[in-house]
Amino acid sequence: MNILNGLKTRRSIRSYRTDDIDIETIKKILKAAIMAPSAHNSNPWYFIVINENLVKEDLAIEMAKKYRKDLTNDEFNEKAISRITEESIKKFTNAPVIMIACLDMRKMQQYPDKKRQEIEHYMGIQSVSAAIENLLLAAHGLGLASCWYCAPLFAQNIVRNLLEIPDEIEPLALITLGYPEKDKTIKAPPRRKISNICFINKWGEKI
């Protein structure tokens, strides 16, 4: 697949067939993921592949409990809370595979001052994010559908505890993977025009 064509045709897809994804295909996707650039060439990423239904269910249910608490605090009504959390569980458990992308800050440079350490953390997040984009494109190129979720950020301790992730490792994202339903066609989402988001030489000078 041509890279530019892959960028144009990739979609965030949430409905999948029940077909399993073989481990060799998953390895190909992960090899593509870790070809991404990273700050200091630190490679500060880890990925947890989850293909057992019970593990997916436990994770989805426990994250949904946290989500329910947050929605309650935000004063959503009970009907809306139930609908939202049930949908959350369904979209994670219906995927044949989910991956948790993690950041290991021990791979990054360490500084004594808070400001530079904070910047280093941003650099680590950027690095893992680049790997996730590679992962999504590789999956698309292999005929798989995927969707990138930020759910672990809102429930890091829950994800850590359930998956036995060390305290030093930060779960950043959850990616669902599966073969797309054949009759599912998703239109390209709207994007802002280049003339509205790009300046040349300085802010405000449109390209």
N, C-alpha and C. Protein backbone atom coordinates (compact mmCIF):
# COMPACT_ATOMS: atom_id res chain seq x y z
N MET A 1 0.85 -1.20 0.00
CA MET A 1 0.00 0.00 0.00
C MET A 1 0.88 1.25 0.00
N ASN A 2 0.59 2.16 -0.91
CA ASN A 2 1.26 3.45 -0.94
C ASN A 2 1.02 4.20 0.38
N ILE A 3 2.08 4.82 0.92
CA ILE A 3 1.96 5.46 2.23
C ILE A 3 0.90 6.56 2.23
N LEU A 4 0.92 7.42 1.22
CA LEU A 4 -0.05 8.51 1.19
C LEU A 4 -1.47 7.97 1.04
N ASN A 5 -1.62 6.92 0.25
CA ASN A 5 -2.94 6.31 0.11
C ASN A 5 -3.40 5.70 1.43
N GLY A 6 -2.45 5.10 2.15
CA GLY A 6 -2.78 4.53 3.46
C GLY A 6 -3.24 5.60 4.43
N LEU A 7 -2.58 6.75 4.40
CA LEU A 7 -2.97 7.86 5.27
C LEU A 7 -4.38 8.36 4.93
N LYS A 8 -4.67 8.39 3.63
CA LYS A 8 -5.98 8.90 3.19
C LYS A 8 -7.12 7.92 3.50
N THR A 9 -6.82 6.63 3.47
CA THR A 9 -7.90 5.64 3.57
C THR A 9 -8.05 5.02 4.96
N ARG A 10 -7.09 5.25 5.85
CA ARG A 10 -7.23 4.69 7.20
C ARG A 10 -8.38 5.38 7.93
N ARG A 11 -9.13 4.58 8.70
CA ARG A 11 -10.26 5.11 9.46
C ARG A 11 -10.22 4.55 10.89
N SER A 12 -10.84 5.26 11.80
CA SER A 12 -11.07 4.73 13.15
C SER A 12 -12.34 3.89 13.09
N ILE A 13 -12.17 2.58 13.21
CA ILE A 13 -13.29 1.64 13.05
C ILE A 13 -13.52 0.91 14.37
N ARG A 14 -14.77 0.83 14.77
CA ARG A 14 -15.12 0.28 16.08
C ARG A 14 -15.91 -1.03 16.01
N SER A 15 -16.23 -1.49 14.81
CA SER A 15 -16.98 -2.75 14.65
C SER A 15 -16.13 -3.74 13.88
N TYR A 16 -16.03 -4.96 14.39
CA TYR A 16 -15.13 -5.96 13.81
C TYR A 16 -15.82 -7.31 13.63
N ARG A 17 -15.26 -8.09 12.73
CA ARG A 17 -15.67 -9.49 12.63
C ARG A 17 -15.07 -10.24 13.82
N THR A 18 -15.53 -11.44 14.04
CA THR A 18 -15.05 -12.21 15.19
C THR A 18 -13.76 -12.98 14.90
N ASP A 19 -13.26 -12.91 13.67
CA ASP A 19 -12.06 -13.65 13.29
C ASP A 19 -10.89 -13.31 14.20
N ASP A 20 -10.14 -14.34 14.58
CA ASP A 20 -8.93 -14.13 15.37
C ASP A 20 -7.84 -13.49 14.52
N ILE A 21 -6.92 -12.83 15.17
CA ILE A 21 -5.73 -12.29 14.50
C ILE A 21 -4.55 -13.13 14.94
N ASP A 22 -3.86 -13.74 13.99
CA ASP A 22 -2.75 -14.62 14.37
C ASP A 22 -1.59 -13.81 14.91
N ILE A 23 -0.79 -14.45 15.74
CA ILE A 23 0.28 -13.77 16.46
C ILE A 23 1.35 -13.22 15.52
N GLU A 24 1.57 -13.87 14.38
CA GLU A 24 2.58 -13.38 13.44
C GLU A 24 2.15 -12.05 12.83
N THR A 25 0.86 -11.90 12.58
CA THR A 25 0.36 -10.62 12.07
C THR A 25 0.53 -9.53 13.12
N ILE A 26 0.25 -9.87 14.36
CA ILE A 26 0.43 -8.91 15.46
C ILE A 26 1.89 -8.49 15.56
N LYS A 27 2.80 -9.44 15.41
CA LYS A 27 4.23 -9.12 15.47
C LYS A 27 4.64 -8.18 14.34
N LYS A 28 4.09 -8.39 13.15
CA LYS A 28 4.38 -7.49 12.02
C LYS A 28 3.94 -6.07 12.34
N ILE A 29 2.77 -5.96 12.93
CA ILE A 29 2.23 -4.64 13.29
C ILE A 29 3.13 -3.97 14.33
N LEU A 30 3.57 -4.74 15.31
CA LEU A 30 4.42 -4.18 16.37
C LEU A 30 5.80 -3.81 15.84
N LYS A 31 6.32 -4.59 14.89
CA LYS A 31 7.61 -4.25 14.28
C LYS A 31 7.52 -2.91 13.57
N ALA A 32 6.39 -2.68 12.91
CA ALA A 32 6.18 -1.38 12.26
C ALA A 32 6.06 -0.27 13.30
N ALA A 33 5.39 -0.56 14.40
CA ALA A 33 5.20 0.45 15.45
C ALA A 33 6.54 0.96 15.96
N ILE A 34 7.46 0.04 16.23
CA ILE A 34 8.71 0.44 16.86
C ILE A 34 9.75 0.97 15.87
N MET A 35 9.36 1.09 14.60
CA MET A 35 10.20 1.80 13.63
C MET A 35 10.02 3.31 13.74
N ALA A 36 9.09 3.73 14.59
CA ALA A 36 8.82 5.16 14.76
C ALA A 36 10.02 5.88 15.36
N PRO A 37 10.17 7.17 15.07
CA PRO A 37 11.22 7.94 15.74
C PRO A 37 10.86 8.15 17.21
N SER A 38 11.88 8.30 18.03
CA SER A 38 11.64 8.59 19.45
C SER A 38 12.71 9.56 19.96
N ALA A 39 12.36 10.33 20.96
CA ALA A 39 13.30 11.30 21.52
C ALA A 39 14.56 10.59 22.01
N HIS A 40 15.72 11.08 21.62
CA HIS A 40 17.03 10.50 21.98
C HIS A 40 17.16 9.06 21.47
N ASN A 41 16.32 8.64 20.53
CA ASN A 41 16.24 7.23 20.12
C ASN A 41 16.08 6.34 21.35
N SER A 42 15.24 6.80 22.27
CA SER A 42 15.08 6.13 23.57
C SER A 42 14.22 4.88 23.52
N ASN A 43 13.37 4.77 22.48
CA ASN A 43 12.45 3.62 22.39
C ASN A 43 11.72 3.39 23.71
N PRO A 44 10.99 4.39 24.22
CA PRO A 44 10.45 4.29 25.58
C PRO A 44 9.09 3.59 25.67
N TRP A 45 8.83 2.69 24.75
CA TRP A 45 7.50 2.09 24.65
C TRP A 45 7.47 0.62 25.04
N TYR A 46 6.32 0.24 25.54
CA TYR A 46 5.97 -1.17 25.74
C TYR A 46 4.54 -1.34 25.25
N PHE A 47 4.23 -2.55 24.79
CA PHE A 47 2.87 -2.86 24.34
C PHE A 47 2.40 -4.16 24.99
N ILE A 48 1.20 -4.16 25.48
CA ILE A 48 0.58 -5.38 26.01
C ILE A 48 -0.53 -5.78 25.05
N VAL A 49 -0.42 -6.98 24.50
CA VAL A 49 -1.42 -7.51 23.57
C VAL A 49 -2.39 -8.38 24.36
N ILE A 50 -3.67 -8.09 24.25
CA ILE A 50 -4.68 -8.84 24.98
C ILE A 50 -5.63 -9.50 23.99
N ASN A 51 -5.61 -10.82 23.96
CA ASN A 51 -6.51 -11.55 23.06
C ASN A 51 -7.37 -12.59 23.79
N GLU A 52 -7.26 -12.63 25.11
CA GLU A 52 -8.11 -13.53 25.90
C GLU A 52 -9.37 -12.77 26.32
N ASN A 53 -10.51 -13.37 26.06
CA ASN A 53 -11.79 -12.69 26.33
C ASN A 53 -11.96 -12.30 27.79
N LEU A 54 -11.56 -13.17 28.70
CA LEU A 54 -11.74 -12.87 30.12
C LEU A 54 -10.93 -11.66 30.55
N VAL A 55 -9.73 -11.55 30.02
CA VAL A 55 -8.88 -10.40 30.36
C VAL A 55 -9.49 -9.12 29.79
N LYS A 56 -9.95 -9.19 28.55
CA LYS A 56 -10.61 -8.02 27.94
C LYS A 56 -11.83 -7.60 28.75
N GLU A 57 -12.63 -8.58 29.14
CA GLU A 57 -13.85 -8.29 29.90
C GLU A 57 -13.54 -7.66 31.25
N ASP A 58 -12.58 -8.24 31.96
CA ASP A 58 -12.21 -7.70 33.28
C ASP A 58 -11.74 -6.25 33.15
N LEU A 59 -10.89 -6.02 32.16
CA LEU A 59 -10.34 -4.67 31.96
C LEU A 59 -11.45 -3.68 31.60
N ALA A 60 -12.29 -4.07 30.66
CA ALA A 60 -13.37 -3.18 30.22
C ALA A 60 -14.34 -2.87 31.35
N ILE A 61 -14.69 -3.87 32.12
CA ILE A 61 -15.65 -3.68 33.23
C ILE A 61 -15.07 -2.78 34.31
N GLU A 62 -13.80 -3.02 34.68
CA GLU A 62 -13.19 -2.21 35.74
C GLU A 62 -12.98 -0.76 35.30
N MET A 63 -12.60 -0.57 34.05
CA MET A 63 -12.46 0.81 33.56
C MET A 63 -13.82 1.50 33.51
N ALA A 64 -14.85 0.73 33.17
CA ALA A 64 -16.21 1.29 33.11
C ALA A 64 -16.68 1.71 34.50
N LYS A 65 -16.28 0.99 35.53
CA LYS A 65 -16.64 1.38 36.90
C LYS A 65 -16.04 2.74 37.24
N LYS A 66 -14.79 2.93 36.84
CA LYS A 66 -14.14 4.23 37.06
C LYS A 66 -14.84 5.32 36.24
N TYR A 67 -15.19 4.98 35.02
CA TYR A 67 -15.90 5.90 34.14
C TYR A 67 -17.24 6.30 34.76
N ARG A 68 -17.92 5.33 35.34
CA ARG A 68 -19.21 5.59 36.00
C ARG A 68 -19.04 6.60 37.13
N LYS A 69 -18.00 6.44 37.94
CA LYS A 69 -17.75 7.38 39.03
C LYS A 69 -17.51 8.79 38.49
N ASP A 70 -16.71 8.87 37.43
CA ASP A 70 -16.42 10.19 36.84
C ASP A 70 -17.69 10.84 36.30
N LEU A 71 -18.52 10.06 35.61
CA LEU A 71 -19.75 10.60 35.05
C LEU A 71 -20.73 11.02 36.15
N THR A 72 -20.75 10.25 37.23
CA THR A 72 -21.59 10.61 38.37
C THR A 72 -21.14 11.94 38.97
N ASN A 73 -19.82 12.09 39.13
CA ASN A 73 -19.28 13.35 39.64
C ASN A 73 -19.57 14.53 38.71
N ASP A 74 -19.66 14.21 37.41
CA ASP A 74 -19.98 15.25 36.42
C ASP A 74 -21.49 15.51 36.32
N GLU A 75 -22.25 14.82 37.16
CA GLU A 75 -23.70 15.01 37.28
C GLU A 75 -24.48 14.59 36.04
N PHE A 76 -24.01 13.52 35.38
CA PHE A 76 -24.81 12.91 34.33
C PHE A 76 -25.97 12.16 34.99
N ASN A 77 -27.09 12.02 34.27
CA ASN A 77 -28.19 11.26 34.85
C ASN A 77 -27.93 9.76 34.71
N GLU A 78 -28.60 8.96 35.51
CA GLU A 78 -28.33 7.52 35.58
C GLU A 78 -28.55 6.83 34.24
N LYS A 79 -29.56 7.24 33.51
CA LYS A 79 -29.83 6.62 32.22
C LYS A 79 -28.66 6.83 31.26
N ALA A 80 -28.16 8.04 31.22
CA ALA A 80 -27.02 8.35 30.34
C ALA A 80 -25.77 7.62 30.79
N ILE A 81 -25.55 7.55 32.09
CA ILE A 81 -24.37 6.86 32.63
C ILE A 81 -24.39 5.38 32.23
N SER A 82 -25.54 4.74 32.38
CA SER A 82 -25.66 3.33 32.03
C SER A 82 -25.41 3.11 30.55
N ARG A 83 -25.98 3.96 29.72
CA ARG A 83 -25.79 3.82 28.27
C ARG A 83 -24.33 4.01 27.89
N ILE A 84 -23.70 5.03 28.41
CA ILE A 84 -22.31 5.34 28.06
C ILE A 84 -21.37 4.23 28.52
N THR A 85 -21.53 3.77 29.75
CA THR A 85 -20.62 2.74 30.27
C THR A 85 -20.84 1.39 29.60
N GLU A 86 -22.08 1.07 29.27
CA GLU A 86 -22.35 -0.18 28.56
C GLU A 86 -21.73 -0.16 27.17
N GLU A 87 -21.82 0.98 26.50
CA GLU A 87 -21.19 1.12 25.18
C GLU A 87 -19.68 1.01 25.29
N SER A 88 -19.13 1.56 26.36
CA SER A 88 -17.69 1.50 26.59
C SER A 88 -17.22 0.05 26.72
N ILE A 89 -17.94 -0.72 27.52
CA ILE A 89 -17.59 -2.14 27.70
C ILE A 89 -17.69 -2.89 26.38
N LYS A 90 -18.76 -2.64 25.66
CA LYS A 90 -19.01 -3.37 24.41
C LYS A 90 -17.92 -3.11 23.37
N LYS A 91 -17.50 -1.85 23.22
CA LYS A 91 -16.54 -1.55 22.16
C LYS A 91 -15.16 -2.14 22.43
N PHE A 92 -14.84 -2.39 23.71
CA PHE A 92 -13.56 -3.02 24.02
C PHE A 92 -13.65 -4.54 23.98
N THR A 93 -14.73 -5.11 24.47
CA THR A 93 -14.84 -6.57 24.51
C THR A 93 -15.17 -7.17 23.15
N ASN A 94 -15.73 -6.38 22.24
CA ASN A 94 -16.07 -6.90 20.91
C ASN A 94 -14.88 -6.96 19.96
N ALA A 95 -13.78 -6.33 20.33
CA ALA A 95 -12.58 -6.37 19.48
C ALA A 95 -11.82 -7.67 19.73
N PRO A 96 -11.41 -8.37 18.68
CA PRO A 96 -10.64 -9.60 18.86
C PRO A 96 -9.35 -9.39 19.65
N VAL A 97 -8.73 -8.23 19.44
CA VAL A 97 -7.48 -7.91 20.14
C VAL A 97 -7.53 -6.47 20.62
N ILE A 98 -7.05 -6.24 21.83
CA ILE A 98 -6.78 -4.87 22.24
C ILE A 98 -5.32 -4.78 22.67
N MET A 99 -4.73 -3.65 22.43
CA MET A 99 -3.34 -3.40 22.83
C MET A 99 -3.30 -2.21 23.78
N ILE A 100 -2.46 -2.32 24.79
CA ILE A 100 -2.22 -1.20 25.69
C ILE A 100 -0.82 -0.66 25.39
N ALA A 101 -0.75 0.60 24.98
CA ALA A 101 0.54 1.23 24.71
C ALA A 101 1.01 1.96 25.97
N CYS A 102 2.25 1.70 26.35
CA CYS A 102 2.78 2.22 27.62
C CYS A 102 4.06 3.02 27.41
N LEU A 103 4.31 3.92 28.34
CA LEU A 103 5.52 4.74 28.35
C LEU A 103 6.39 4.35 29.53
N ASP A 104 7.68 4.14 29.25
CA ASP A 104 8.66 3.87 30.30
C ASP A 104 9.58 5.09 30.42
N MET A 105 9.32 5.94 31.41
CA MET A 105 10.11 7.15 31.57
C MET A 105 11.55 6.86 32.00
N ARG A 106 11.83 5.66 32.43
CA ARG A 106 13.20 5.30 32.79
C ARG A 106 14.11 5.30 31.57
N LYS A 107 13.51 5.19 30.38
CA LYS A 107 14.29 5.22 29.14
C LYS A 107 14.64 6.65 28.72
N MET A 108 13.96 7.61 29.33
CA MET A 108 14.17 9.01 28.97
C MET A 108 15.26 9.62 29.84
N GLN A 109 15.76 10.79 29.43
CA GLN A 109 16.77 11.47 30.23
C GLN A 109 16.14 12.00 31.52
N GLN A 110 16.94 12.01 32.57
CA GLN A 110 16.46 12.45 33.88
C GLN A 110 17.13 13.77 34.26
N TYR A 111 16.33 14.70 34.80
CA TYR A 111 16.83 16.01 35.19
C TYR A 111 16.45 16.31 36.63
N PRO A 112 17.26 17.12 37.32
CA PRO A 112 16.94 17.45 38.72
C PRO A 112 15.82 18.48 38.85
N ASP A 113 15.61 19.28 37.79
CA ASP A 113 14.59 20.33 37.90
C ASP A 113 13.27 19.88 37.26
N LYS A 114 12.19 20.37 37.84
CA LYS A 114 10.84 19.96 37.45
C LYS A 114 10.51 20.31 36.00
N LYS A 115 10.92 21.49 35.55
CA LYS A 115 10.55 21.95 34.21
C LYS A 115 11.12 21.05 33.13
N ARG A 116 12.42 20.77 33.19
CA ARG A 116 13.02 19.92 32.15
C ARG A 116 12.49 18.49 32.23
N GLN A 117 12.21 18.03 33.44
CA GLN A 117 11.66 16.68 33.57
C GLN A 117 10.26 16.60 32.98
N GLU A 118 9.51 17.68 33.14
CA GLU A 118 8.17 17.74 32.54
C GLU A 118 8.26 17.72 31.02
N ILE A 119 9.22 18.46 30.48
CA ILE A 119 9.42 18.47 29.03
C ILE A 119 9.82 17.09 28.54
N GLU A 120 10.67 16.42 29.30
CA GLU A 120 11.10 15.07 28.93
C GLU A 120 9.89 14.12 28.90
N HIS A 121 8.96 14.34 29.82
CA HIS A 121 7.74 13.52 29.84
C HIS A 121 6.91 13.74 28.58
N TYR A 122 6.79 15.01 28.17
CA TYR A 122 6.10 15.30 26.91
C TYR A 122 6.78 14.59 25.74
N MET A 123 8.10 14.59 25.76
CA MET A 123 8.86 13.94 24.68
C MET A 123 8.59 12.44 24.66
N GLY A 124 8.47 11.85 25.84
CA GLY A 124 8.15 10.43 25.91
C GLY A 124 6.77 10.13 25.35
N ILE A 125 5.80 10.98 25.69
CA ILE A 125 4.44 10.81 25.17
C ILE A 125 4.42 10.96 23.65
N GLN A 126 5.16 11.95 23.14
CA GLN A 126 5.25 12.13 21.69
C GLN A 126 5.83 10.88 21.02
N SER A 127 6.82 10.29 21.65
CA SER A 127 7.48 9.11 21.08
C SER A 127 6.51 7.93 20.99
N VAL A 128 5.80 7.67 22.08
CA VAL A 128 4.84 6.57 22.08
C VAL A 128 3.71 6.84 21.08
N SER A 129 3.30 8.09 20.98
CA SER A 129 2.24 8.45 20.04
C SER A 129 2.66 8.19 18.59
N ALA A 130 3.93 8.48 18.28
CA ALA A 130 4.43 8.20 16.93
C ALA A 130 4.39 6.70 16.65
N ALA A 131 4.72 5.89 17.65
CA ALA A 131 4.67 4.44 17.48
C ALA A 131 3.24 3.96 17.27
N ILE A 132 2.30 4.57 17.98
CA ILE A 132 0.89 4.18 17.82
C ILE A 132 0.41 4.48 16.40
N GLU A 133 0.77 5.64 15.87
CA GLU A 133 0.36 5.97 14.50
C GLU A 133 0.94 4.95 13.51
N ASN A 134 2.21 4.57 13.69
CA ASN A 134 2.78 3.52 12.85
C ASN A 134 1.98 2.23 12.96
N LEU A 135 1.60 1.90 14.18
CA LEU A 135 0.82 0.69 14.44
C LEU A 135 -0.50 0.72 13.67
N LEU A 136 -1.20 1.84 13.73
CA LEU A 136 -2.49 1.97 13.04
C LEU A 136 -2.33 1.83 11.54
N LEU A 137 -1.29 2.45 10.99
CA LEU A 137 -1.06 2.38 9.55
C LEU A 137 -0.66 0.98 9.11
N ALA A 138 0.16 0.32 9.91
CA ALA A 138 0.56 -1.05 9.58
C ALA A 138 -0.65 -1.98 9.61
N ALA A 139 -1.48 -1.83 10.61
CA ALA A 139 -2.70 -2.65 10.70
C ALA A 139 -3.57 -2.44 9.47
N HIS A 140 -3.73 -1.19 9.08
CA HIS A 140 -4.53 -0.87 7.89
C HIS A 140 -3.93 -1.52 6.65
N GLY A 141 -2.61 -1.45 6.53
CA GLY A 141 -1.95 -2.05 5.38
C GLY A 141 -2.09 -3.55 5.31
N LEU A 142 -2.31 -4.18 6.45
CA LEU A 142 -2.49 -5.64 6.52
C LEU A 142 -3.96 -6.04 6.50
N GLY A 143 -4.83 -5.09 6.21
CA GLY A 143 -6.25 -5.40 6.09
C GLY A 143 -7.03 -5.40 7.38
N LEU A 144 -6.41 -4.88 8.45
CA LEU A 144 -7.08 -4.81 9.75
C LEU A 144 -7.64 -3.42 10.01
N ALA A 145 -8.65 -3.37 10.84
CA ALA A 145 -9.21 -2.10 11.28
C ALA A 145 -8.77 -1.85 12.71
N SER A 146 -8.80 -0.59 13.12
CA SER A 146 -8.33 -0.25 14.46
C SER A 146 -8.98 1.03 14.95
N CYS A 147 -8.85 1.26 16.25
CA CYS A 147 -9.29 2.53 16.83
C CYS A 147 -8.42 2.83 18.05
N TRP A 148 -8.01 4.06 18.17
CA TRP A 148 -7.11 4.53 19.24
C TRP A 148 -7.96 5.22 20.31
N TYR A 149 -7.86 4.75 21.55
CA TYR A 149 -8.60 5.32 22.67
C TYR A 149 -7.64 5.81 23.75
N CYS A 150 -8.06 6.83 24.48
CA CYS A 150 -7.25 7.38 25.57
C CYS A 150 -7.69 6.85 26.93
N ALA A 151 -8.60 5.89 26.96
CA ALA A 151 -9.21 5.41 28.21
C ALA A 151 -8.22 5.10 29.34
N PRO A 152 -7.06 4.47 29.07
CA PRO A 152 -6.14 4.16 30.17
C PRO A 152 -5.65 5.38 30.95
N LEU A 153 -5.63 6.54 30.31
CA LEU A 153 -5.19 7.75 31.02
C LEU A 153 -6.10 8.08 32.18
N PHE A 154 -7.36 7.71 32.07
CA PHE A 154 -8.34 8.02 33.11
C PHE A 154 -8.43 6.93 34.17
N ALA A 155 -7.72 5.84 33.95
CA ALA A 155 -7.81 4.71 34.88
C ALA A 155 -6.47 3.98 34.96
N GLN A 156 -5.38 4.75 35.10
CA GLN A 156 -4.05 4.15 35.03
C GLN A 156 -3.82 3.10 36.11
N ASN A 157 -4.23 3.37 37.33
CA ASN A 157 -4.00 2.40 38.40
C ASN A 157 -4.79 1.12 38.19
N ILE A 158 -6.00 1.25 37.67
CA ILE A 158 -6.82 0.07 37.37
C ILE A 158 -6.15 -0.78 36.31
N VAL A 159 -5.69 -0.15 35.25
CA VAL A 159 -5.01 -0.87 34.17
C VAL A 159 -3.73 -1.52 34.69
N ARG A 160 -2.97 -0.77 35.48
CA ARG A 160 -1.74 -1.32 36.06
C ARG A 160 -2.04 -2.57 36.89
N ASN A 161 -2.99 -2.46 37.78
CA ASN A 161 -3.28 -3.57 38.70
C ASN A 161 -3.76 -4.81 37.97
N LEU A 162 -4.67 -4.63 37.03
CA LEU A 162 -5.24 -5.79 36.33
C LEU A 162 -4.22 -6.49 35.44
N LEU A 163 -3.34 -5.71 34.82
CA LEU A 163 -2.37 -6.28 33.88
C LEU A 163 -0.99 -6.46 34.50
N GLU A 164 -0.89 -6.19 35.81
CA GLU A 164 0.36 -6.37 36.55
C GLU A 164 1.50 -5.55 35.94
N ILE A 165 1.19 -4.32 35.60
CA ILE A 165 2.18 -3.41 35.02
C ILE A 165 2.96 -2.75 36.15
N PRO A 166 4.28 -2.70 36.07
CA PRO A 166 5.08 -2.05 37.12
C PRO A 166 4.68 -0.59 37.31
N ASP A 167 4.88 -0.09 38.52
CA ASP A 167 4.50 1.29 38.85
C ASP A 167 5.22 2.32 37.98
N GLU A 168 6.42 1.97 37.52
CA GLU A 168 7.22 2.93 36.74
C GLU A 168 6.70 3.08 35.31
N ILE A 169 5.81 2.20 34.88
CA ILE A 169 5.32 2.20 33.50
C ILE A 169 3.95 2.87 33.45
N GLU A 170 3.77 3.77 32.49
CA GLU A 170 2.51 4.51 32.36
C GLU A 170 1.67 3.97 31.20
N PRO A 171 0.50 3.41 31.47
CA PRO A 171 -0.42 3.05 30.38
C PRO A 171 -0.99 4.33 29.77
N LEU A 172 -0.77 4.51 28.48
CA LEU A 172 -1.18 5.76 27.83
C LEU A 172 -2.39 5.62 26.92
N ALA A 173 -2.50 4.48 26.24
CA ALA A 173 -3.54 4.36 25.22
C ALA A 173 -3.98 2.91 25.07
N LEU A 174 -5.17 2.76 24.54
CA LEU A 174 -5.73 1.45 24.23
C LEU A 174 -6.10 1.45 22.76
N ILE A 175 -5.66 0.42 22.04
CA ILE A 175 -5.96 0.30 20.62
C ILE A 175 -6.75 -0.98 20.39
N THR A 176 -7.92 -0.86 19.77
CA THR A 176 -8.68 -2.06 19.40
C THR A 176 -8.29 -2.46 17.99
N LEU A 177 -8.25 -3.78 17.76
CA LEU A 177 -7.85 -4.32 16.45
C LEU A 177 -8.78 -5.45 16.04
N GLY A 178 -9.08 -5.51 14.76
CA GLY A 178 -9.88 -6.61 14.24
C GLY A 178 -10.07 -6.45 12.74
N TYR A 179 -10.57 -7.50 12.11
CA TYR A 179 -10.90 -7.41 10.69
C TYR A 179 -12.23 -6.67 10.55
N PRO A 180 -12.29 -5.69 9.66
CA PRO A 180 -13.51 -4.88 9.57
C PRO A 180 -14.68 -5.66 9.00
N GLU A 181 -15.88 -5.28 9.42
CA GLU A 181 -17.07 -5.86 8.83
C GLU A 181 -17.12 -5.44 7.36
N LYS A 182 -17.37 -6.40 6.48
CA LYS A 182 -17.27 -6.15 5.04
C LYS A 182 -18.22 -5.07 4.54
N ASP A 183 -19.38 -4.94 5.19
CA ASP A 183 -20.35 -3.97 4.72
C ASP A 183 -20.20 -2.61 5.41
N LYS A 184 -19.11 -2.46 6.16
CA LYS A 184 -18.88 -1.21 6.86
C LYS A 184 -18.04 -0.26 6.00
N THR A 185 -18.63 0.81 5.55
CA THR A 185 -17.90 1.84 4.82
C THR A 185 -18.00 3.14 5.60
N ILE A 186 -16.86 3.68 5.97
CA ILE A 186 -16.84 4.91 6.76
C ILE A 186 -16.28 6.04 5.92
N LYS A 187 -17.04 7.10 5.82
CA LYS A 187 -16.60 8.26 5.05
C LYS A 187 -15.41 8.93 5.73
N ALA A 188 -14.64 9.62 4.92
CA ALA A 188 -13.51 10.37 5.48
C ALA A 188 -14.03 11.44 6.43
N PRO A 189 -13.46 11.52 7.63
CA PRO A 189 -13.90 12.55 8.58
C PRO A 189 -13.48 13.93 8.10
N PRO A 190 -14.18 14.96 8.53
CA PRO A 190 -13.80 16.32 8.10
C PRO A 190 -12.44 16.72 8.63
N ARG A 191 -11.71 17.44 7.82
CA ARG A 191 -10.41 17.97 8.22
C ARG A 191 -10.35 19.45 7.85
N ARG A 192 -9.67 20.23 8.66
CA ARG A 192 -9.51 21.65 8.36
C ARG A 192 -8.58 21.82 7.15
N LYS A 193 -8.80 22.88 6.40
CA LYS A 193 -7.98 23.14 5.23
C LYS A 193 -6.57 23.55 5.65
N ILE A 194 -5.59 23.19 4.81
CA ILE A 194 -4.20 23.55 5.08
C ILE A 194 -4.07 25.07 5.26
N SER A 195 -4.81 25.82 4.47
CA SER A 195 -4.73 27.29 4.56
C SER A 195 -5.21 27.82 5.90
N ASN A 196 -5.96 27.00 6.64
CA ASN A 196 -6.47 27.43 7.94
C ASN A 196 -5.61 26.99 9.12
N ILE A 197 -4.65 26.10 8.87
CA ILE A 197 -3.88 25.55 9.99
C ILE A 197 -2.37 25.72 9.83
N CYS A 198 -1.95 26.28 8.70
CA CYS A 198 -0.50 26.39 8.46
C CYS A 198 -0.11 27.83 8.15
N PHE A 199 0.95 28.26 8.81
CA PHE A 199 1.51 29.58 8.54
C PHE A 199 2.93 29.40 8.02
N ILE A 200 3.43 30.40 7.31
CA ILE A 200 4.77 30.31 6.76
C ILE A 200 5.65 31.41 7.35
N ASN A 201 6.77 31.00 7.90
CA ASN A 201 7.79 31.87 8.51
C ASN A 201 7.39 32.46 9.85
N LYS A 202 6.12 32.84 10.03
CA LYS A 202 5.67 33.31 11.34
C LYS A 202 4.16 33.16 11.45
N TRP A 203 3.66 33.16 12.69
CA TRP A 203 2.23 33.00 12.95
C TRP A 203 1.43 34.09 12.24
N GLY A 204 0.37 33.66 11.57
CA GLY A 204 -0.53 34.60 10.91
C GLY A 204 -0.28 34.78 9.43
N GLU A 205 0.94 34.40 8.97
CA GLU A 205 1.25 34.51 7.54
C GLU A 205 0.83 33.21 6.87
N LYS A 206 -0.32 33.23 6.19
CA LYS A 206 -0.85 32.00 5.60
C LYS A 206 0.00 31.51 4.44
N ILE A 207 0.05 30.22 4.32
CA ILE A 207 0.87 29.58 3.29
C ILE A 207 0.20 29.73 1.92
